[in-house]
Amino acid sequence: MAHPKSRISKQRKRKRRTHYKAAAPTLTVCQTTGETHQPHRAYQDAEGNLFYNGNMIVKAPEIADEFDGEEIE
């Protein structure tokens, strides 16, 4: 089993780990909808439709109007 010859201080360990950084995600703009999204990922537009590669994959369900003309007292 590995056994260090001497202890690594917190400062030395943290200096080594400073270079591990999260990269900002790459974003693209759809030419069809104008939505900003990650490339090679499905995304939704403002109406809730699901798009991939500029093509509509799933159409959003239309919200039924609960108020059908009758007044509520």
PDB file of N, CA and C in Angstrom:
ATOM      1  N   MET A   1       0.844  -1.168   0.000  1.00  0.00           N
ATOM      2  CA  MET A   1       0.000   0.000   0.000  1.00  0.00           C
ATOM      3  C   MET A   1       0.896   1.241   0.000  1.00  0.00           C
ATOM      4  N   ALA A   2       0.440   2.281  -0.723  1.00  0.00           N
ATOM      5  CA  ALA A   2       1.246   3.491  -0.832  1.00  0.00           C
ATOM      6  C   ALA A   2       1.345   4.195   0.517  1.00  0.00           C
ATOM      7  N   HIS A   3       2.545   4.668   0.803  1.00  0.00           N
ATOM      8  CA  HIS A   3       2.762   5.343   2.071  1.00  0.00           C
ATOM      9  C   HIS A   3       3.651   6.553   1.800  1.00  0.00           C
ATOM     10  N   PRO A   4       3.129   7.781   2.040  1.00  0.00           N
ATOM     11  CA  PRO A   4       3.937   8.966   1.747  1.00  0.00           C
ATOM     12  C   PRO A   4       5.135   9.078   2.692  1.00  0.00           C
ATOM     13  N   LYS A   5       6.258   9.517   2.135  1.00  0.00           N
ATOM     14  CA  LYS A   5       7.459   9.652   2.960  1.00  0.00           C
ATOM     15  C   LYS A   5       7.319  10.796   3.957  1.00  0.00           C
ATOM     16  N   SER A   6       6.641  11.873   3.519  1.00  0.00           N
ATOM     17  CA  SER A   6       6.401  12.992   4.433  1.00  0.00           C
ATOM     18  C   SER A   6       5.005  13.559   4.164  1.00  0.00           C
ATOM     19  N   ARG A   7       4.512  14.245   5.164  1.00  0.00           N
ATOM     20  CA  ARG A   7       3.168  14.799   5.076  1.00  0.00           C
ATOM     21  C   ARG A   7       3.135  15.978   4.094  1.00  0.00           C
ATOM     22  N   ILE A   8       2.066  16.054   3.284  1.00  0.00           N
ATOM     23  CA  ILE A   8       1.853  17.178   2.371  1.00  0.00           C
ATOM     24  C   ILE A   8       1.023  18.223   3.119  1.00  0.00           C
ATOM     25  N   SER A   9       1.527  19.439   3.204  1.00  0.00           N
ATOM     26  CA  SER A   9       0.816  20.485   3.944  1.00  0.00           C
ATOM     27  C   SER A   9      -0.454  20.900   3.202  1.00  0.00           C
ATOM     28  N   LYS A  10      -1.376  21.533   3.938  1.00  0.00           N
ATOM     29  CA  LYS A  10      -2.630  22.010   3.338  1.00  0.00           C
ATOM     30  C   LYS A  10      -2.331  23.026   2.240  1.00  0.00           C
ATOM     31  N   GLN A  11      -1.372  23.891   2.488  1.00  0.00           N
ATOM     32  CA  GLN A  11      -1.040  24.924   1.515  1.00  0.00           C
ATOM     33  C   GLN A  11      -0.518  24.305   0.214  1.00  0.00           C
ATOM     34  N   ARG A  12       0.375  23.332   0.328  1.00  0.00           N
ATOM     35  CA  ARG A  12       0.933  22.697  -0.867  1.00  0.00           C
ATOM     36  C   ARG A  12      -0.139  21.926  -1.638  1.00  0.00           C
ATOM     37  N   LYS A  13      -1.013  21.261  -0.912  1.00  0.00           N
ATOM     38  CA  LYS A  13      -2.097  20.508  -1.533  1.00  0.00           C
ATOM     39  C   LYS A  13      -3.048  21.456  -2.261  1.00  0.00           C
ATOM     40  N   ARG A  14      -3.383  22.567  -1.647  1.00  0.00           N
ATOM     41  CA  ARG A  14      -4.323  23.517  -2.241  1.00  0.00           C
ATOM     42  C   ARG A  14      -3.713  24.262  -3.425  1.00  0.00           C
ATOM     43  N   LYS A  15      -2.404  24.521  -3.377  1.00  0.00           N
ATOM     44  CA  LYS A  15      -1.734  25.145  -4.523  1.00  0.00           C
ATOM     45  C   LYS A  15      -1.820  24.234  -5.749  1.00  0.00           C
ATOM     46  N   ARG A  16      -1.647  22.962  -5.530  1.00  0.00           N
ATOM     47  CA  ARG A  16      -1.704  22.000  -6.622  1.00  0.00           C
ATOM     48  C   ARG A  16      -3.113  21.936  -7.214  1.00  0.00           C
ATOM     49  N   ARG A  17      -4.118  22.060  -6.382  1.00  0.00           N
ATOM     50  CA  ARG A  17      -5.504  21.912  -6.836  1.00  0.00           C
ATOM     51  C   ARG A  17      -6.113  23.181  -7.417  1.00  0.00           C
ATOM     52  N   THR A  18      -5.382  24.298  -7.405  1.00  0.00           N
ATOM     53  CA  THR A  18      -5.954  25.549  -7.913  1.00  0.00           C
ATOM     54  C   THR A  18      -6.184  25.509  -9.411  1.00  0.00           C
ATOM     55  N   HIS A  19      -5.535  24.628 -10.123  1.00  0.00           N
ATOM     56  CA  HIS A  19      -5.647  24.592 -11.573  1.00  0.00           C
ATOM     57  C   HIS A  19      -6.855  23.817 -12.058  1.00  0.00           C
ATOM     58  N   TYR A  20      -7.554  23.112 -11.166  1.00  0.00           N
ATOM     59  CA  TYR A  20      -8.761  22.392 -11.559  1.00  0.00           C
ATOM     60  C   TYR A  20      -9.923  23.361 -11.529  1.00  0.00           C
ATOM     61  N   LYS A  21     -10.378  23.797 -12.696  1.00  0.00           N
ATOM     62  CA  LYS A  21     -11.439  24.789 -12.775  1.00  0.00           C
ATOM     63  C   LYS A  21     -12.565  24.265 -13.656  1.00  0.00           C
ATOM     64  N   ALA A  22     -13.763  24.712 -13.367  1.00  0.00           N
ATOM     65  CA  ALA A  22     -14.903  24.363 -14.202  1.00  0.00           C
ATOM     66  C   ALA A  22     -14.922  25.290 -15.410  1.00  0.00           C
ATOM     67  N   ALA A  23     -15.086  24.714 -16.587  1.00  0.00           N
ATOM     68  CA  ALA A  23     -15.132  25.515 -17.811  1.00  0.00           C
ATOM     69  C   ALA A  23     -16.560  26.004 -18.044  1.00  0.00           C
ATOM     70  N   ALA A  24     -16.689  27.196 -18.591  1.00  0.00           N
ATOM     71  CA  ALA A  24     -18.011  27.728 -18.913  1.00  0.00           C
ATOM     72  C   ALA A  24     -18.592  26.931 -20.074  1.00  0.00           C
ATOM     73  N   PRO A  25     -19.883  26.606 -20.033  1.00  0.00           N
ATOM     74  CA  PRO A  25     -20.474  25.806 -21.114  1.00  0.00           C
ATOM     75  C   PRO A  25     -20.532  26.596 -22.420  1.00  0.00           C
ATOM     76  N   THR A  26     -20.362  25.897 -23.523  1.00  0.00           N
ATOM     77  CA  THR A  26     -20.461  26.505 -24.839  1.00  0.00           C
ATOM     78  C   THR A  26     -21.935  26.686 -25.182  1.00  0.00           C
ATOM     79  N   LEU A  27     -22.302  27.868 -25.639  1.00  0.00           N
ATOM     80  CA  LEU A  27     -23.691  28.141 -25.990  1.00  0.00           C
ATOM     81  C   LEU A  27     -23.789  28.526 -27.455  1.00  0.00           C
ATOM     82  N   THR A  28     -24.885  28.115 -28.088  1.00  0.00           N
ATOM     83  CA  THR A  28     -25.155  28.478 -29.469  1.00  0.00           C
ATOM     84  C   THR A  28     -26.554  29.060 -29.560  1.00  0.00           C
ATOM     85  N   VAL A  29     -26.828  29.736 -30.661  1.00  0.00           N
ATOM     86  CA  VAL A  29     -28.150  30.320 -30.890  1.00  0.00           C
ATOM     87  C   VAL A  29     -28.802  29.567 -32.035  1.00  0.00           C
ATOM     88  N   CYS A  30     -30.041  29.111 -31.814  1.00  0.00           N
ATOM     89  CA  CYS A  30     -30.777  28.372 -32.840  1.00  0.00           C
ATOM     90  C   CYS A  30     -31.193  29.336 -33.950  1.00  0.00           C
ATOM     91  N   GLN A  31     -30.985  28.944 -35.200  1.00  0.00           N
ATOM     92  CA  GLN A  31     -31.366  29.789 -36.322  1.00  0.00           C
ATOM     93  C   GLN A  31     -32.876  29.768 -36.549  1.00  0.00           C
ATOM     94  N   THR A  32     -33.553  28.711 -36.097  1.00  0.00           N
ATOM     95  CA  THR A  32     -35.000  28.597 -36.278  1.00  0.00           C
ATOM     96  C   THR A  32     -35.761  29.409 -35.248  1.00  0.00           C
ATOM     97  N   THR A  33     -35.431  29.208 -33.959  1.00  0.00           N
ATOM     98  CA  THR A  33     -36.202  29.832 -32.884  1.00  0.00           C
ATOM     99  C   THR A  33     -35.516  31.026 -32.242  1.00  0.00           C
ATOM    100  N   GLY A  34     -34.211  31.143 -32.385  1.00  0.00           N
ATOM    101  CA  GLY A  34     -33.476  32.234 -31.755  1.00  0.00           C
ATOM    102  C   GLY A  34     -33.161  31.980 -30.292  1.00  0.00           C
ATOM    103  N   GLU A  35     -33.420  30.761 -29.803  1.00  0.00           N
ATOM    104  CA  GLU A  35     -33.153  30.412 -28.409  1.00  0.00           C
ATOM    105  C   GLU A  35     -31.668  30.106 -28.219  1.00  0.00           C
ATOM    106  N   THR A  36     -31.138  30.459 -27.065  1.00  0.00           N
ATOM    107  CA  THR A  36     -29.763  30.122 -26.710  1.00  0.00           C
ATOM    108  C   THR A  36     -29.775  28.769 -26.007  1.00  0.00           C
ATOM    109  N   HIS A  37     -28.901  27.855 -26.428  1.00  0.00           N
ATOM    110  CA  HIS A  37     -28.879  26.508 -25.870  1.00  0.00           C
ATOM    111  C   HIS A  37     -27.497  25.902 -26.025  1.00  0.00           C
ATOM    112  N   GLN A  38     -27.291  24.767 -25.358  1.00  0.00           N
ATOM    113  CA  GLN A  38     -26.037  24.035 -25.514  1.00  0.00           C
ATOM    114  C   GLN A  38     -26.095  23.218 -26.797  1.00  0.00           C
ATOM    115  N   PRO A  39     -24.987  23.124 -27.529  1.00  0.00           N
ATOM    116  CA  PRO A  39     -25.008  22.344 -28.764  1.00  0.00           C
ATOM    117  C   PRO A  39     -25.195  20.856 -28.480  1.00  0.00           C
ATOM    118  N   HIS A  40     -25.863  20.168 -29.406  1.00  0.00           N
ATOM    119  CA  HIS A  40     -26.126  18.728 -29.326  1.00  0.00           C
ATOM    120  C   HIS A  40     -27.003  18.367 -28.133  1.00  0.00           C
ATOM    121  N   ARG A  41     -27.864  19.287 -27.721  1.00  0.00           N
ATOM    122  CA  ARG A  41     -28.803  19.035 -26.623  1.00  0.00           C
ATOM    123  C   ARG A  41     -30.188  19.488 -27.072  1.00  0.00           C
ATOM    124  N   ALA A  42     -31.217  18.814 -26.613  1.00  0.00           N
ATOM    125  CA  ALA A  42     -32.588  19.258 -26.863  1.00  0.00           C
ATOM    126  C   ALA A  42     -32.883  20.441 -25.954  1.00  0.00           C
ATOM    127  N   TYR A  43     -33.717  21.362 -26.418  1.00  0.00           N
ATOM    128  CA  TYR A  43     -34.024  22.561 -25.633  1.00  0.00           C
ATOM    129  C   TYR A  43     -35.470  22.974 -25.892  1.00  0.00           C
ATOM    130  N   GLN A  44     -36.023  23.758 -24.964  1.00  0.00           N
ATOM    131  CA  GLN A  44     -37.400  24.222 -25.080  1.00  0.00           C
ATOM    132  C   GLN A  44     -37.423  25.704 -25.430  1.00  0.00           C
ATOM    133  N   ASP A  45     -38.425  26.087 -26.231  1.00  0.00           N
ATOM    134  CA  ASP A  45     -38.595  27.501 -26.526  1.00  0.00           C
ATOM    135  C   ASP A  45     -39.559  28.117 -25.517  1.00  0.00           C
ATOM    136  N   ALA A  46     -39.975  29.359 -25.751  1.00  0.00           N
ATOM    137  CA  ALA A  46     -40.817  30.085 -24.798  1.00  0.00           C
ATOM    138  C   ALA A  46     -42.192  29.436 -24.627  1.00  0.00           C
ATOM    139  N   GLU A  47     -42.720  28.797 -25.677  1.00  0.00           N
ATOM    140  CA  GLU A  47     -44.039  28.153 -25.583  1.00  0.00           C
ATOM    141  C   GLU A  47     -43.972  26.758 -24.965  1.00  0.00           C
ATOM    142  N   GLY A  48     -42.783  26.210 -24.790  1.00  0.00           N
ATOM    143  CA  GLY A  48     -42.646  24.884 -24.211  1.00  0.00           C
ATOM    144  C   GLY A  48     -42.435  23.781 -25.229  1.00  0.00           C
ATOM    145  N   ASN A  49     -42.298  24.127 -26.512  1.00  0.00           N
ATOM    146  CA  ASN A  49     -42.031  23.128 -27.544  1.00  0.00           C
ATOM    147  C   ASN A  49     -40.592  22.644 -27.409  1.00  0.00           C
ATOM    148  N   LEU A  50     -40.373  21.360 -27.645  1.00  0.00           N
ATOM    149  CA  LEU A  50     -39.046  20.775 -27.531  1.00  0.00           C
ATOM    150  C   LEU A  50     -38.404  20.710 -28.908  1.00  0.00           C
ATOM    151  N   PHE A  51     -37.222  21.312 -29.036  1.00  0.00           N
ATOM    152  CA  PHE A  51     -36.498  21.358 -30.298  1.00  0.00           C
ATOM    153  C   PHE A  51     -35.172  20.630 -30.176  1.00  0.00           C
ATOM    154  N   TYR A  52     -34.712  20.076 -31.305  1.00  0.00           N
ATOM    155  CA  TYR A  52     -33.364  19.517 -31.402  1.00  0.00           C
ATOM    156  C   TYR A  52     -32.881  19.759 -32.815  1.00  0.00           C
ATOM    157  N   ASN A  53     -31.714  20.363 -32.947  1.00  0.00           N
ATOM    158  CA  ASN A  53     -31.085  20.632 -34.241  1.00  0.00           C
ATOM    159  C   ASN A  53     -31.999  21.472 -35.145  1.00  0.00           C
ATOM    160  N   GLY A  54     -32.768  22.388 -34.562  1.00  0.00           N
ATOM    161  CA  GLY A  54     -33.632  23.274 -35.333  1.00  0.00           C
ATOM    162  C   GLY A  54     -34.965  22.680 -35.711  1.00  0.00           C
ATOM    163  N   ASN A  55     -35.213  21.422 -35.366  1.00  0.00           N
ATOM    164  CA  ASN A  55     -36.470  20.757 -35.702  1.00  0.00           C
ATOM    165  C   ASN A  55     -37.306  20.545 -34.446  1.00  0.00           C
ATOM    166  N   MET A  56     -38.630  20.741 -34.567  1.00  0.00           N
ATOM    167  CA  MET A  56     -39.515  20.526 -33.422  1.00  0.00           C
ATOM    168  C   MET A  56     -39.685  19.026 -33.223  1.00  0.00           C
ATOM    169  N   ILE A  57     -39.344  18.551 -32.045  1.00  0.00           N
ATOM    170  CA  ILE A  57     -39.451  17.132 -31.720  1.00  0.00           C
ATOM    171  C   ILE A  57     -40.774  16.851 -31.022  1.00  0.00           C
ATOM    172  N   VAL A  58     -41.102  17.652 -30.000  1.00  0.00           N
ATOM    173  CA  VAL A  58     -42.337  17.464 -29.235  1.00  0.00           C
ATOM    174  C   VAL A  58     -43.049  18.802 -29.157  1.00  0.00           C
ATOM    175  N   LYS A  59     -44.314  18.807 -29.585  1.00  0.00           N
ATOM    176  CA  LYS A  59     -45.110  20.032 -29.497  1.00  0.00           C
ATOM    177  C   LYS A  59     -45.685  20.146 -28.099  1.00  0.00           C
ATOM    178  N   ALA A  60     -45.686  21.338 -27.562  1.00  0.00           N
ATOM    179  CA  ALA A  60     -46.191  21.568 -26.209  1.00  0.00           C
ATOM    180  C   ALA A  60     -47.708  21.385 -26.183  1.00  0.00           C
ATOM    181  N   PRO A  61     -48.228  20.781 -25.110  1.00  0.00           N
ATOM    182  CA  PRO A  61     -49.682  20.646 -25.014  1.00  0.00           C
ATOM    183  C   PRO A  61     -50.314  22.017 -24.803  1.00  0.00           C
ATOM    184  N   GLU A  62     -51.464  22.211 -25.445  1.00  0.00           N
ATOM    185  CA  GLU A  62     -52.148  23.486 -25.299  1.00  0.00           C
ATOM    186  C   GLU A  62     -52.892  23.494 -23.981  1.00  0.00           C
ATOM    187  N   ILE A  63     -52.819  24.596 -23.284  1.00  0.00           N
ATOM    188  CA  ILE A  63     -53.458  24.709 -21.985  1.00  0.00           C
ATOM    189  C   ILE A  63     -54.942  24.975 -22.201  1.00  0.00           C
ATOM    190  N   ALA A  64     -55.776  24.124 -21.620  1.00  0.00           N
ATOM    191  CA  ALA A  64     -57.218  24.275 -21.753  1.00  0.00           C
ATOM    192  C   ALA A  64     -57.675  25.469 -20.926  1.00  0.00           C
ATOM    193  N   ASP A  65     -58.600  26.221 -21.481  1.00  0.00           N
ATOM    194  CA  ASP A  65     -59.120  27.377 -20.763  1.00  0.00           C
ATOM    195  C   ASP A  65     -60.147  26.894 -19.746  1.00  0.00           C
ATOM    196  N   GLU A  66     -59.871  27.092 -18.471  1.00  0.00           N
ATOM    197  CA  GLU A  66     -60.753  26.616 -17.419  1.00  0.00           C
ATOM    198  C   GLU A  66     -62.017  27.453 -17.329  1.00  0.00           C
ATOM    199  N   PHE A  67     -61.954  28.694 -17.750  1.00  0.00           N
ATOM    200  CA  PHE A  67     -63.109  29.572 -17.683  1.00  0.00           C
ATOM    201  C   PHE A  67     -63.854  29.455 -19.017  1.00  0.00           C
ATOM    202  N   ASP A  68     -65.071  28.891 -18.973  1.00  0.00           N
ATOM    203  CA  ASP A  68     -65.820  28.661 -20.205  1.00  0.00           C
ATOM    204  C   ASP A  68     -67.042  29.570 -20.329  1.00  0.00           C
ATOM    205  N   GLY A  69     -66.925  30.824 -19.871  1.00  0.00           N
ATOM    206  CA  GLY A  69     -67.975  31.800 -20.089  1.00  0.00           C
ATOM    207  C   GLY A  69     -68.947  31.949 -18.937  1.00  0.00           C
ATOM    208  N   GLU A  70     -68.987  31.049 -17.983  1.00  0.00           N
ATOM    209  CA  GLU A  70     -69.899  31.156 -16.865  1.00  0.00           C
ATOM    210  C   GLU A  70     -69.282  32.004 -15.771  1.00  0.00           C
ATOM    211  N   GLU A  71     -70.112  32.827 -15.140  1.00  0.00           N
ATOM    212  CA  GLU A  71     -69.595  33.649 -14.068  1.00  0.00           C
ATOM    213  C   GLU A  71     -69.668  32.890 -12.751  1.00  0.00           C
ATOM    214  N   ILE A  72     -68.663  33.063 -11.944  1.00  0.00           N
ATOM    215  CA  ILE A  72     -68.604  32.405 -10.645  1.00  0.00           C
ATOM    216  C   ILE A  72     -69.053  33.405  -9.583  1.00  0.00           C
ATOM    217  N   GLU A  73     -69.957  32.987  -8.731  1.00  0.00           N
ATOM    218  CA  GLU A  73     -70.475  33.883  -7.689  1.00  0.00           C
ATOM    219  C   GLU A  73     -69.791  33.663  -6.382  1.00  0.00           C
TER     220      GLU A  73
END
